[in-house]
Protein backbone atom coordinates (compact mmCIF):
# COMPACT_ATOMS: atom_id res chain seq x y z
CA MET A 1 17.23 -82.00 -113.27
CA ILE A 2 17.38 -78.54 -111.86
CA ASN A 3 18.00 -75.79 -114.29
CA ILE A 4 19.63 -72.71 -112.93
CA ASN A 5 18.96 -69.71 -115.01
CA GLU A 6 18.79 -66.02 -114.48
CA THR A 7 15.22 -66.03 -113.22
CA LEU A 8 16.22 -68.18 -110.37
CA ILE A 9 19.00 -65.80 -109.43
CA ILE A 10 16.64 -62.86 -109.77
CA GLN A 11 14.11 -64.61 -107.61
CA LEU A 12 16.79 -65.36 -105.09
CA VAL A 13 17.93 -61.74 -105.05
CA ASN A 14 14.26 -60.66 -104.75
CA PHE A 15 13.76 -63.09 -101.91
CA LEU A 16 16.89 -61.87 -100.10
CA LEU A 17 16.03 -58.24 -100.68
CA LEU A 18 12.44 -58.89 -99.49
CA MET A 19 13.75 -60.69 -96.36
CA PHE A 20 16.18 -57.80 -95.71
CA LEU A 21 13.37 -55.20 -96.09
CA LEU A 22 10.91 -57.19 -94.10
CA ASN A 23 13.49 -57.71 -91.37
CA ARG A 24 14.41 -54.07 -91.39
CA LEU A 25 10.92 -52.57 -91.72
CA LEU A 26 8.67 -55.20 -90.07
CA PHE A 27 10.35 -57.81 -87.96
CA LYS A 28 12.89 -55.66 -86.04
CA PRO A 29 10.32 -52.92 -85.13
CA MET A 30 7.81 -55.57 -84.22
CA LEU A 31 10.34 -57.51 -82.13
CA ARG A 32 11.38 -54.21 -80.44
CA VAL A 33 7.71 -53.44 -79.62
CA LEU A 34 7.25 -56.94 -78.24
CA ASP A 35 10.45 -56.65 -76.17
CA GLU A 36 9.30 -53.23 -74.80
CA ARG A 37 5.83 -54.71 -73.99
CA ARG A 38 7.46 -57.66 -72.27
CA GLU A 39 9.80 -55.35 -70.24
CA ARG A 40 6.83 -53.14 -69.26
CA THR A 41 4.80 -56.20 -68.31
CA GLU A 42 7.64 -57.66 -66.26
CA GLY A 43 8.27 -54.28 -64.66
CA ARG A 44 4.65 -53.95 -63.72
CA ARG A 45 4.56 -57.56 -62.48
CA GLN A 46 7.66 -56.91 -60.32
CA ALA A 47 6.10 -53.63 -59.06
CA ALA A 48 2.89 -55.46 -58.27
CA GLU A 49 4.83 -58.19 -56.46
CA GLN A 50 6.73 -55.52 -54.46
CA ARG A 51 3.38 -53.82 -53.54
CA ASP A 52 1.99 -57.20 -52.52
CA ALA A 53 5.04 -57.83 -50.34
CA GLN A 54 4.68 -54.38 -48.84
CA ALA A 55 1.00 -54.93 -48.23
CA GLU A 56 1.76 -58.27 -46.54
CA ALA A 57 4.40 -56.56 -44.37
CA VAL A 58 1.90 -53.78 -43.41
CA TRP A 59 -0.76 -56.39 -42.74
CA ALA A 60 1.66 -58.43 -40.52
CA ASP A 61 2.63 -55.25 -38.67
CA TYR A 62 -1.06 -54.37 -38.28
CA GLN A 63 -1.83 -57.80 -36.87
CA GLU A 64 1.09 -57.65 -34.50
CA LYS A 65 0.02 -54.22 -33.22
CA ILE A 66 -3.55 -55.51 -32.74
CA GLN A 67 -2.19 -58.48 -30.80
CA GLN A 68 -0.05 -56.15 -28.66
CA ALA A 69 -3.07 -53.91 -28.06
CA ARG A 70 -5.15 -56.92 -27.00
CA VAL A 71 -2.45 -58.06 -24.61
CA GLU A 72 -2.15 -54.59 -23.16
CA ALA A 73 -5.99 -54.32 -22.86
CA ASP A 74 -6.11 -57.70 -21.11
CA ARG A 75 -3.37 -56.55 -18.71
CA ILE A 76 -5.16 -53.26 -17.99
CA ARG A 77 -8.49 -55.09 -17.58
CA SER A 78 -6.86 -57.60 -15.14
CA ASP A 79 -5.26 -54.79 -13.24
CA LEU A 80 -8.56 -52.86 -13.01
CA ILE A 81 -10.35 -56.05 -11.84
CA ARG A 82 -7.75 -56.71 -9.21
CA ARG A 83 -7.94 -53.09 -7.98
CA ALA A 84 -11.75 -53.19 -7.96
CA GLU A 85 -11.67 -56.48 -6.03
CA ALA A 86 -9.25 -55.02 -3.50
CA GLU A 87 -11.47 -51.93 -3.18
CA ARG A 88 -14.55 -54.08 -2.82
CA GLN A 89 -12.80 -56.11 -0.14
CA LYS A 90 -11.91 -52.93 1.75
CA ILE A 91 -15.47 -51.67 1.50
CA VAL A 92 -16.91 -54.99 2.62
CA GLU A 93 -14.49 -55.16 5.55
CA ALA A 94 -15.22 -51.51 6.53
CA ALA A 95 -19.02 -52.22 6.29
CA ALA A 96 -18.62 -55.39 8.35
CA ALA A 97 -16.61 -53.51 10.96
CA GLU A 98 -19.17 -50.76 11.03
CA ALA A 99 -22.03 -53.25 11.27
CA GLU A 100 -20.18 -55.09 14.07
CA LYS A 101 -19.64 -51.80 15.87
CA ASN A 102 -23.32 -50.89 15.44
CA VAL A 103 -24.42 -54.32 16.68
CA ALA A 104 -22.14 -54.06 19.72
CA GLN A 105 -23.55 -50.56 20.46
CA LEU A 106 -27.14 -51.82 20.08
CA ARG A 107 -26.41 -54.81 22.32
CA ALA A 108 -24.92 -52.53 24.99
CA ARG A 109 -27.89 -50.13 24.67
CA ILE A 110 -30.38 -53.07 24.84
CA GLN A 111 -28.62 -54.53 27.89
CA ALA A 112 -28.61 -51.10 29.58
CA GLU A 113 -32.28 -50.63 28.75
CA ALA A 114 -33.07 -54.15 29.90
CA ARG A 115 -31.25 -53.44 33.21
CA ASP A 116 -33.14 -50.16 33.59
CA ALA A 117 -36.43 -51.89 32.75
CA LEU A 118 -35.63 -54.71 35.14
CA ALA A 119 -34.83 -52.19 37.89
CA VAL A 120 -38.11 -50.41 37.20
CA LEU A 121 -40.00 -53.71 37.16
CA GLU A 122 -38.40 -54.80 40.41
CA LYS A 123 -39.28 -51.44 41.99
CA ASP A 124 -42.82 -51.65 40.66
CA ALA A 125 -43.05 -55.31 41.71
CA ARG A 126 -41.97 -54.41 45.24
CA ALA A 127 -44.45 -51.56 45.36
CA LEU A 128 -47.16 -53.81 44.02
CA ALA A 129 -46.22 -56.71 46.35
CA GLY A 130 -46.25 -54.26 49.27
CA GLY A 131 -49.72 -53.00 48.18
CA ILE A 132 -51.02 -56.55 47.82
CA ALA A 133 -49.56 -57.54 51.17
CA GLU A 134 -51.17 -54.51 52.84
CA ARG A 135 -54.52 -55.36 51.33
CA ILE A 136 -54.30 -59.00 52.26
CA LEU A 137 -53.01 -58.33 55.77
CA GLY A 138 -55.12 -55.24 56.22
CA ARG A 139 -52.23 -53.29 57.67
CA SER A 140 -49.16 -51.53 56.34
CA VAL A 141 -46.11 -53.55 55.85
């Protein structure tokens, strides 16, 4: 059977006093430090998550601006190609027209020179034929 005597009461008082002192001097300060550490950790974790979210937003904005710049560059490049093609076409048409004009002038000049040469040849041929006829016939024709 359990015997309750004064030592048990003293031990119980000592235990309660020790628990009170440990709670006051050790457990409460330690729990406060642990709570502060948890709050700081959570605060830093939330701050890191916010920075990550901000970084993601900046990255998405950066990607969108790059895409817009690519689209604009493609539009400008297409416009420049179209303009260059139109300018090339104009130059080719002008060169073709100039070449056609030069060919027409050369043909006209060649035809004129051919007519002149033919006229000279006909004149020379008549003179030569007259000279041959005079020699063959032995008299002037």
